């Protein structure tokens, strides 16, 4: 019979793989941003929320706050670096106002994580209390990460288009929530179970929205493409003036 610790390790490894795919799932979105040299209507909120979330879970996984949480530490350390890269790209291709706001929020998040770590280490001696404090903040951060697509979901409902809600981000948010909920339930950890359970539910909601508006999105994008092609063709049509004898004689050249 497989022990609870062994089962939890296996589920944790699966959770790490899914979480890594989740962290990498916005790569197509940032490829679009890089090619167009613009962030368009893509929101920085999910990446800011995930940066804060990973920063707090790194603290939670450290042996001074919650021992025996190596898998939590490794995946969130990887996610933290990946989110920093995304935000750097976002900053490069944002307008001045948005760039300033994103930078201020990111710096405030990093400062908060650092201050919390310092205060808990210096003021709290009990390991159990340290776990409770960091774990409670981690729950809030995880809620923010999973709830951050709500703004995008509102945009989807308003525009009836999923163009700015990446499918793979929604899919792996759901799978990540399921995996880490299972991990937390094997050896009960409420700080991991509660937010990831909510994340699984929000992931389902995003996938339902995607299925609902996928067809209308394709129609809208096809209409946009037709307008672009029509606009380009109009630029190359040289009108012939009946009062210009040279054009009437030689013909109009496109």
C-alpha atoms as a PDB file:
ATOM      1  CA  UNK A   1       0.000   0.000   0.000  1.00  0.00           C
ATOM      2  CA  UNK A   2       1.318   3.432  -0.983  1.00  0.00           C
ATOM      3  CA  UNK A   3       1.963   5.706   1.975  1.00  0.00           C
ATOM      4  CA  UNK A   4       0.366   9.145   2.225  1.00  0.00           C
ATOM      5  CA  UNK A   5       3.781  10.812   1.978  1.00  0.00           C
ATOM      6  CA  UNK A   6       4.670   8.915  -1.204  1.00  0.00           C
ATOM      7  CA  UNK A   7       1.269   9.680  -2.776  1.00  0.00           C
ATOM      8  CA  UNK A   8       1.608  13.344  -1.838  1.00  0.00           C
ATOM      9  CA  UNK A   9       5.079  13.489  -3.405  1.00  0.00           C
ATOM     10  CA  UNK A  10       3.802  11.985  -6.656  1.00  0.00           C
ATOM     11  CA  UNK A  11       0.842  14.374  -6.795  1.00  0.00           C
ATOM     12  CA  UNK A  12       3.181  17.244  -5.926  1.00  0.00           C
ATOM     13  CA  UNK A  13       5.479  16.378  -8.832  1.00  0.00           C
ATOM     14  CA  UNK A  14       2.468  16.244 -11.169  1.00  0.00           C
ATOM     15  CA  UNK A  15       1.378  19.582  -9.715  1.00  0.00           C
ATOM     16  CA  UNK A  16       4.833  21.014 -10.404  1.00  0.00           C
ATOM     17  CA  UNK A  17       4.675  19.914 -14.047  1.00  0.00           C
ATOM     18  CA  UNK A  18       1.176  21.340 -14.535  1.00  0.00           C
ATOM     19  CA  UNK A  19       2.097  24.570 -12.730  1.00  0.00           C
ATOM     20  CA  UNK A  20       5.193  24.977 -14.922  1.00  0.00           C
ATOM     21  CA  UNK A  21       3.045  24.554 -18.033  1.00  0.00           C
ATOM     22  CA  UNK A  22       0.627  27.099 -16.525  1.00  0.00           C
ATOM     23  CA  UNK A  23       3.459  29.578 -16.013  1.00  0.00           C
ATOM     24  CA  UNK A  24       4.631  29.035 -19.603  1.00  0.00           C
ATOM     25  CA  UNK A  25       1.151  29.098 -21.164  1.00  0.00           C
ATOM     26  CA  UNK A  26       1.178  32.900 -21.783  1.00  0.00           C
ATOM     27  CA  UNK A  27       4.195  32.528 -24.104  1.00  0.00           C
ATOM     28  CA  UNK A  28       1.961  32.728 -27.247  1.00  0.00           C
ATOM     29  CA  UNK A  29       0.391  35.907 -25.830  1.00  0.00           C
ATOM     30  CA  UNK A  30       3.782  37.532 -25.324  1.00  0.00           C
ATOM     31  CA  UNK A  31       4.864  36.367 -28.771  1.00  0.00           C
ATOM     32  CA  UNK A  32       1.926  38.355 -30.167  1.00  0.00           C
ATOM     33  CA  UNK A  33       2.902  41.369 -28.043  1.00  0.00           C
ATOM     34  CA  UNK A  34       6.507  41.115 -29.248  1.00  0.00           C
ATOM     35  CA  UNK A  35       5.495  40.851 -32.916  1.00  0.00           C
ATOM     36  CA  UNK A  36       3.012  43.736 -32.741  1.00  0.00           C
ATOM     37  CA  UNK A  37       5.262  45.829 -30.453  1.00  0.00           C
ATOM     38  CA  UNK A  38       2.174  46.619 -28.370  1.00  0.00           C
ATOM     39  CA  UNK A  39       0.340  45.138 -25.380  1.00  0.00           C
ATOM     40  CA  UNK A  40      -3.004  46.167 -26.953  1.00  0.00           C
ATOM     41  CA  UNK A  41      -5.806  45.194 -24.527  1.00  0.00           C
ATOM     42  CA  UNK A  42      -3.874  42.444 -22.781  1.00  0.00           C
ATOM     43  CA  UNK A  43      -3.997  42.956 -19.026  1.00  0.00           C
ATOM     44  CA  UNK A  44      -0.907  42.883 -16.752  1.00  0.00           C
ATOM     45  CA  UNK A  45      -3.066  41.977 -13.735  1.00  0.00           C
ATOM     46  CA  UNK A  46      -2.699  38.155 -13.996  1.00  0.00           C
ATOM     47  CA  UNK A  47       1.107  38.442 -14.159  1.00  0.00           C
ATOM     48  CA  UNK A  48       1.330  40.928 -11.288  1.00  0.00           C
ATOM     49  CA  UNK A  49      -0.941  38.741  -9.173  1.00  0.00           C
ATOM     50  CA  UNK A  50       1.070  35.626 -10.010  1.00  0.00           C
ATOM     51  CA  UNK A  51       4.361  37.390  -9.199  1.00  0.00           C
ATOM     52  CA  UNK A  52       3.070  38.279  -5.720  1.00  0.00           C
ATOM     53  CA  UNK A  53       1.609  34.813  -5.259  1.00  0.00           C
ATOM     54  CA  UNK A  54       4.877  33.078  -6.168  1.00  0.00           C
ATOM     55  CA  UNK A  55       6.873  35.409  -3.928  1.00  0.00           C
ATOM     56  CA  UNK A  56       4.738  34.545  -0.901  1.00  0.00           C
ATOM     57  CA  UNK A  57       4.731  30.796  -1.629  1.00  0.00           C
ATOM     58  CA  UNK A  58       8.534  30.887  -1.863  1.00  0.00           C
ATOM     59  CA  UNK A  59       8.498  32.118   1.740  1.00  0.00           C
ATOM     60  CA  UNK A  60       6.007  29.406   2.698  1.00  0.00           C
ATOM     61  CA  UNK A  61       8.246  26.722   1.213  1.00  0.00           C
ATOM     62  CA  UNK A  62      11.393  27.856   3.032  1.00  0.00           C
ATOM     63  CA  UNK A  63      12.409  25.684   6.033  1.00  0.00           C
ATOM     64  CA  UNK A  64      12.265  28.694   8.390  1.00  0.00           C
ATOM     65  CA  UNK A  65       8.529  29.097   7.748  1.00  0.00           C
ATOM     66  CA  UNK A  66       7.137  25.672   6.773  1.00  0.00           C
ATOM     67  CA  UNK A  67       9.568  22.737   6.690  1.00  0.00           C
ATOM     68  CA  UNK A  68       9.340  19.832   4.228  1.00  0.00           C
ATOM     69  CA  UNK A  69       7.800  21.922   1.433  1.00  0.00           C
ATOM     70  CA  UNK A  70      10.512  21.510  -1.203  1.00  0.00           C
ATOM     71  CA  UNK A  71       8.058  20.985  -4.088  1.00  0.00           C
ATOM     72  CA  UNK A  72       6.196  24.174  -3.172  1.00  0.00           C
ATOM     73  CA  UNK A  73       9.505  26.071  -3.103  1.00  0.00           C
ATOM     74  CA  UNK A  74      10.871  24.814  -6.424  1.00  0.00           C
ATOM     75  CA  UNK A  75       7.823  25.475  -8.567  1.00  0.00           C
ATOM     76  CA  UNK A  76       7.145  28.905  -7.129  1.00  0.00           C
ATOM     77  CA  UNK A  77      10.788  29.892  -7.504  1.00  0.00           C
ATOM     78  CA  UNK A  78      10.547  28.965 -11.194  1.00  0.00           C
ATOM     79  CA  UNK A  79       7.237  30.795 -11.550  1.00  0.00           C
ATOM     80  CA  UNK A  80       8.650  33.915  -9.915  1.00  0.00           C
ATOM     81  CA  UNK A  81      11.465  34.165 -12.487  1.00  0.00           C
ATOM     82  CA  UNK A  82       9.089  33.491 -15.394  1.00  0.00           C
ATOM     83  CA  UNK A  83       6.648  36.199 -14.259  1.00  0.00           C
ATOM     84  CA  UNK A  84       9.503  38.714 -13.968  1.00  0.00           C
ATOM     85  CA  UNK A  85      10.380  38.017 -17.614  1.00  0.00           C
ATOM     86  CA  UNK A  86       6.754  38.511 -18.692  1.00  0.00           C
ATOM     87  CA  UNK A  87       6.483  41.803 -16.828  1.00  0.00           C
ATOM     88  CA  UNK A  88       9.730  43.069 -18.360  1.00  0.00           C
ATOM     89  CA  UNK A  89       8.311  42.402 -21.838  1.00  0.00           C
ATOM     90  CA  UNK A  90       5.051  44.070 -20.808  1.00  0.00           C
ATOM     91  CA  UNK A  91       6.961  47.136 -19.619  1.00  0.00           C
ATOM     92  CA  UNK A  92       8.911  47.402 -22.865  1.00  0.00           C
ATOM     93  CA  UNK A  93       5.794  47.482 -25.060  1.00  0.00           C
ATOM     94  CA  UNK A  94       3.434  49.485 -22.809  1.00  0.00           C
ATOM     95  CA  UNK A  95       2.671  53.178 -23.032  1.00  0.00           C
ATOM     96  CA  UNK A  96       4.252  55.487 -20.455  1.00  0.00           C
ATOM     97  CA  UNK A  97       1.273  55.600 -18.069  1.00  0.00           C
ATOM     98  CA  UNK A  98       0.717  51.842 -18.019  1.00  0.00           C
ATOM     99  CA  UNK A  99       4.466  51.213 -17.690  1.00  0.00           C
ATOM    100  CA  UNK A 100       4.655  53.425 -14.616  1.00  0.00           C
ATOM    101  CA  UNK A 101       1.650  51.744 -12.956  1.00  0.00           C
ATOM    102  CA  UNK A 102       2.930  48.218 -13.595  1.00  0.00           C
ATOM    103  CA  UNK A 103       6.394  49.076 -12.301  1.00  0.00           C
ATOM    104  CA  UNK A 104       5.063  50.663  -9.110  1.00  0.00           C
ATOM    105  CA  UNK A 105       2.783  47.714  -8.359  1.00  0.00           C
ATOM    106  CA  UNK A 106       5.559  45.168  -8.983  1.00  0.00           C
ATOM    107  CA  UNK A 107       8.004  47.047  -6.738  1.00  0.00           C
ATOM    108  CA  UNK A 108       5.358  47.360  -4.003  1.00  0.00           C
ATOM    109  CA  UNK A 109       4.735  43.592  -4.172  1.00  0.00           C
ATOM    110  CA  UNK A 110       8.435  42.756  -3.875  1.00  0.00           C
ATOM    111  CA  UNK A 111       8.838  45.194  -0.978  1.00  0.00           C
ATOM    112  CA  UNK A 112       5.849  43.653   0.812  1.00  0.00           C
ATOM    113  CA  UNK A 113       7.245  40.124   0.493  1.00  0.00           C
ATOM    114  CA  UNK A 114      10.617  41.260   1.822  1.00  0.00           C
ATOM    115  CA  UNK A 115       9.133  43.144   4.778  1.00  0.00           C
ATOM    116  CA  UNK A 116       6.865  40.226   5.738  1.00  0.00           C
ATOM    117  CA  UNK A 117       9.800  37.778   5.646  1.00  0.00           C
ATOM    118  CA  UNK A 118      11.967  40.037   7.799  1.00  0.00           C
ATOM    119  CA  UNK A 119       9.257  40.769  10.352  1.00  0.00           C
ATOM    120  CA  UNK A 120       8.124  37.160  10.764  1.00  0.00           C
ATOM    121  CA  UNK A 121      11.690  35.894  11.112  1.00  0.00           C
ATOM    122  CA  UNK A 122      12.654  38.492  13.704  1.00  0.00           C
ATOM    123  CA  UNK A 123       9.419  38.793  15.708  1.00  0.00           C
ATOM    124  CA  UNK A 124       7.919  35.274  15.659  1.00  0.00           C
ATOM    125  CA  UNK A 125       9.695  32.323  17.267  1.00  0.00           C
ATOM    126  CA  UNK A 126       7.005  29.645  16.940  1.00  0.00           C
ATOM    127  CA  UNK A 127       7.200  27.627  13.718  1.00  0.00           C
ATOM    128  CA  UNK A 128       3.469  26.951  13.866  1.00  0.00           C
ATOM    129  CA  UNK A 129       2.685  30.667  14.121  1.00  0.00           C
ATOM    130  CA  UNK A 130       5.092  31.476  11.291  1.00  0.00           C
ATOM    131  CA  UNK A 131       3.309  28.917   9.124  1.00  0.00           C
ATOM    132  CA  UNK A 132      -0.072  30.408  10.053  1.00  0.00           C
ATOM    133  CA  UNK A 133       0.984  33.981   9.237  1.00  0.00           C
ATOM    134  CA  UNK A 134       2.730  33.209   5.939  1.00  0.00           C
ATOM    135  CA  UNK A 135       0.105  30.624   4.962  1.00  0.00           C
ATOM    136  CA  UNK A 136      -2.750  33.091   5.530  1.00  0.00           C
ATOM    137  CA  UNK A 137      -1.082  35.713   3.334  1.00  0.00           C
ATOM    138  CA  UNK A 138      -0.359  33.027   0.727  1.00  0.00           C
ATOM    139  CA  UNK A 139      -4.053  32.172   0.651  1.00  0.00           C
ATOM    140  CA  UNK A 140      -4.881  35.800  -0.147  1.00  0.00           C
ATOM    141  CA  UNK A 141      -2.198  35.891  -2.849  1.00  0.00           C
ATOM    142  CA  UNK A 142      -3.470  32.660  -4.367  1.00  0.00           C
ATOM    143  CA  UNK A 143      -7.040  33.979  -4.355  1.00  0.00           C
ATOM    144  CA  UNK A 144      -5.795  37.102  -6.171  1.00  0.00           C
ATOM    145  CA  UNK A 145      -3.941  35.032  -8.765  1.00  0.00           C
ATOM    146  CA  UNK A 146      -6.941  32.854  -9.524  1.00  0.00           C
ATOM    147  CA  UNK A 147      -9.390  35.785  -9.403  1.00  0.00           C
ATOM    148  CA  UNK A 148      -7.245  38.069 -11.582  1.00  0.00           C
ATOM    149  CA  UNK A 149      -8.796  36.769 -14.841  1.00  0.00           C
ATOM    150  CA  UNK A 150     -12.202  38.034 -13.631  1.00  0.00           C
ATOM    151  CA  UNK A 151     -11.496  41.373 -15.349  1.00  0.00           C
ATOM    152  CA  UNK A 152     -10.726  39.509 -18.569  1.00  0.00           C
ATOM    153  CA  UNK A 153     -13.865  37.378 -18.115  1.00  0.00           C
ATOM    154  CA  UNK A 154     -15.896  40.580 -17.881  1.00  0.00           C
ATOM    155  CA  UNK A 155     -14.290  41.772 -21.132  1.00  0.00           C
ATOM    156  CA  UNK A 156     -15.176  38.445 -22.765  1.00  0.00           C
ATOM    157  CA  UNK A 157     -18.829  38.756 -21.742  1.00  0.00           C
ATOM    158  CA  UNK A 158     -18.978  42.400 -22.867  1.00  0.00           C
ATOM    159  CA  UNK A 159     -17.312  41.896 -26.256  1.00  0.00           C
ATOM    160  CA  UNK A 160     -18.518  38.308 -26.800  1.00  0.00           C
ATOM    161  CA  UNK A 161     -14.930  37.530 -27.773  1.00  0.00           C
ATOM    162  CA  UNK A 162     -12.221  35.384 -26.128  1.00  0.00           C
ATOM    163  CA  UNK A 163      -9.432  37.014 -28.151  1.00  0.00           C
ATOM    164  CA  UNK A 164      -7.826  38.437 -25.005  1.00  0.00           C
ATOM    165  CA  UNK A 165      -8.415  35.398 -22.768  1.00  0.00           C
ATOM    166  CA  UNK A 166      -5.754  32.816 -23.734  1.00  0.00           C
ATOM    167  CA  UNK A 167      -7.201  29.304 -23.811  1.00  0.00           C
ATOM    168  CA  UNK A 168      -4.160  27.486 -22.430  1.00  0.00           C
ATOM    169  CA  UNK A 169      -3.918  29.891 -19.496  1.00  0.00           C
ATOM    170  CA  UNK A 170      -7.514  29.050 -18.591  1.00  0.00           C
ATOM    171  CA  UNK A 171      -7.056  25.305 -19.117  1.00  0.00           C
ATOM    172  CA  UNK A 172      -3.934  24.976 -17.010  1.00  0.00           C
ATOM    173  CA  UNK A 173      -5.317  27.265 -14.307  1.00  0.00           C
ATOM    174  CA  UNK A 174      -8.055  24.674 -13.914  1.00  0.00           C
ATOM    175  CA  UNK A 175      -5.673  21.698 -13.972  1.00  0.00           C
ATOM    176  CA  UNK A 176      -3.292  23.432 -11.566  1.00  0.00           C
ATOM    177  CA  UNK A 177      -6.127  24.073  -9.115  1.00  0.00           C
ATOM    178  CA  UNK A 178      -7.200  20.422  -9.244  1.00  0.00           C
ATOM    179  CA  UNK A 179      -3.654  19.065  -8.781  1.00  0.00           C
ATOM    180  CA  UNK A 180      -2.745  21.244  -5.808  1.00  0.00           C
ATOM    181  CA  UNK A 181      -6.113  20.706  -4.156  1.00  0.00           C
ATOM    182  CA  UNK A 182      -5.463  16.961  -4.316  1.00  0.00           C
ATOM    183  CA  UNK A 183      -1.937  17.509  -2.947  1.00  0.00           C
ATOM    184  CA  UNK A 184      -3.318  19.491   0.002  1.00  0.00           C
ATOM    185  CA  UNK A 185      -6.071  16.996   0.793  1.00  0.00           C
ATOM    186  CA  UNK A 186      -3.787  13.939   1.003  1.00  0.00           C
ATOM    187  CA  UNK A 187      -2.019  15.455   4.010  1.00  0.00           C
ATOM    188  CA  UNK A 188      -4.415  18.238   4.893  1.00  0.00           C
ATOM    189  CA  UNK A 189      -3.035  21.729   4.377  1.00  0.00           C
ATOM    190  CA  UNK A 190      -5.843  24.327   4.438  1.00  0.00           C
ATOM    191  CA  UNK A 191      -3.573  27.088   3.139  1.00  0.00           C
ATOM    192  CA  UNK A 192      -3.048  25.195  -0.110  1.00  0.00           C
ATOM    193  CA  UNK A 193      -6.447  23.462  -0.353  1.00  0.00           C
ATOM    194  CA  UNK A 194      -8.779  26.461  -0.030  1.00  0.00           C
ATOM    195  CA  UNK A 195      -7.380  28.804  -2.726  1.00  0.00           C
ATOM    196  CA  UNK A 196      -6.636  26.016  -5.180  1.00  0.00           C
ATOM    197  CA  UNK A 197     -10.156  24.627  -4.788  1.00  0.00           C
ATOM    198  CA  UNK A 198     -11.454  28.076  -5.713  1.00  0.00           C
ATOM    199  CA  UNK A 199      -8.953  28.178  -8.583  1.00  0.00           C
ATOM    200  CA  UNK A 200     -10.352  24.949 -10.002  1.00  0.00           C
ATOM    201  CA  UNK A 201     -13.886  26.405  -9.926  1.00  0.00           C
ATOM    202  CA  UNK A 202     -12.789  29.652 -11.603  1.00  0.00           C
ATOM    203  CA  UNK A 203     -10.927  27.613 -14.205  1.00  0.00           C
ATOM    204  CA  UNK A 204     -14.152  25.774 -15.022  1.00  0.00           C
ATOM    205  CA  UNK A 205     -15.936  29.131 -15.378  1.00  0.00           C
ATOM    206  CA  UNK A 206     -13.283  30.389 -17.817  1.00  0.00           C
ATOM    207  CA  UNK A 207     -13.482  27.223 -19.920  1.00  0.00           C
ATOM    208  CA  UNK A 208     -17.275  27.537 -20.090  1.00  0.00           C
ATOM    209  CA  UNK A 209     -16.902  31.145 -21.285  1.00  0.00           C
ATOM    210  CA  UNK A 210     -14.355  30.047 -23.869  1.00  0.00           C
ATOM    211  CA  UNK A 211     -16.667  27.373 -25.227  1.00  0.00           C
ATOM    212  CA  UNK A 212     -19.589  29.830 -25.264  1.00  0.00           C
ATOM    213  CA  UNK A 213     -17.868  32.639 -27.185  1.00  0.00           C
ATOM    214  CA  UNK A 214     -15.324  30.747 -29.297  1.00  0.00           C
ATOM    215  CA  UNK A 215     -17.525  30.729 -32.400  1.00  0.00           C
ATOM    216  CA  UNK A 216     -18.430  34.416 -32.179  1.00  0.00           C
ATOM    217  CA  UNK A 217     -14.717  35.242 -31.701  1.00  0.00           C
ATOM    218  CA  UNK A 218     -13.817  33.510 -34.954  1.00  0.00           C
ATOM    219  CA  UNK A 219     -16.549  35.459 -36.751  1.00  0.00           C
ATOM    220  CA  UNK A 220     -15.327  38.782 -35.311  1.00  0.00           C
ATOM    221  CA  UNK A 221     -11.698  38.060 -36.213  1.00  0.00           C
ATOM    222  CA  UNK A 222     -12.712  37.067 -39.740  1.00  0.00           C
ATOM    223  CA  UNK A 223     -14.642  40.333 -40.081  1.00  0.00           C
ATOM    224  CA  UNK A 224     -11.609  42.309 -38.861  1.00  0.00           C
ATOM    225  CA  UNK A 225      -9.351  40.527 -41.338  1.00  0.00           C
ATOM    226  CA  UNK A 226     -11.761  41.286 -44.179  1.00  0.00           C
ATOM    227  CA  UNK A 227     -11.783  44.985 -43.259  1.00  0.00           C
ATOM    228  CA  UNK A 228      -7.984  45.065 -43.172  1.00  0.00           C
ATOM    229  CA  UNK A 229      -7.708  43.368 -46.563  1.00  0.00           C
ATOM    230  CA  UNK A 230     -10.353  45.704 -48.022  1.00  0.00           C
ATOM    231  CA  UNK A 231      -8.524  48.739 -46.632  1.00  0.00           C
ATOM    232  CA  UNK A 232      -5.237  47.574 -48.136  1.00  0.00           C
ATOM    233  CA  UNK A 233      -6.806  46.949 -51.538  1.00  0.00           C
ATOM    234  CA  UNK A 234      -8.399  50.419 -51.520  1.00  0.00           C
ATOM    235  CA  UNK A 235      -4.970  52.001 -51.052  1.00  0.00           C
ATOM    236  CA  UNK A 236      -3.798  50.585 -54.371  1.00  0.00           C
ATOM    237  CA  UNK A 237      -6.762  51.708 -56.447  1.00  0.00           C
ATOM    238  CA  UNK A 238      -5.865  54.917 -58.279  1.00  0.00           C
ATOM    239  CA  UNK A 239      -9.009  56.810 -59.319  1.00  0.00           C
ATOM    240  CA  UNK A 240      -9.102  57.940 -62.946  1.00  0.00           C
ATOM    241  CA  UNK A 241     -10.256  61.479 -63.508  1.00  0.00           C
ATOM    242  CA  UNK A 242     -12.236  61.981 -66.685  1.00  0.00           C
ATOM    243  CA  UNK A 243     -10.836  65.505 -66.906  1.00  0.00           C
ATOM    244  CA  UNK A 244      -7.231  64.300 -67.105  1.00  0.00           C
ATOM    245  CA  UNK A 245      -6.532  63.610 -70.804  1.00  0.00           C
ATOM    246  CA  UNK A 246      -3.132  62.021 -70.104  1.00  0.00           C
ATOM    247  CA  UNK A 247      -4.649  59.381 -67.815  1.00  0.00           C
ATOM    248  CA  UNK A 248      -7.451  58.738 -70.278  1.00  0.00           C
ATOM    249  CA  UNK A 249      -4.929  58.306 -73.019  1.00  0.00           C
ATOM    250  CA  UNK A 250      -2.264  56.255 -71.236  1.00  0.00           C
ATOM    251  CA  UNK A 251      -4.477  54.404 -68.777  1.00  0.00           C
ATOM    252  CA  UNK A 252      -4.284  54.278 -65.010  1.00  0.00           C
ATOM    253  CA  UNK A 253      -1.406  52.349 -63.516  1.00  0.00           C
ATOM    254  CA  UNK A 254      -1.884  50.502 -60.251  1.00  0.00           C
END
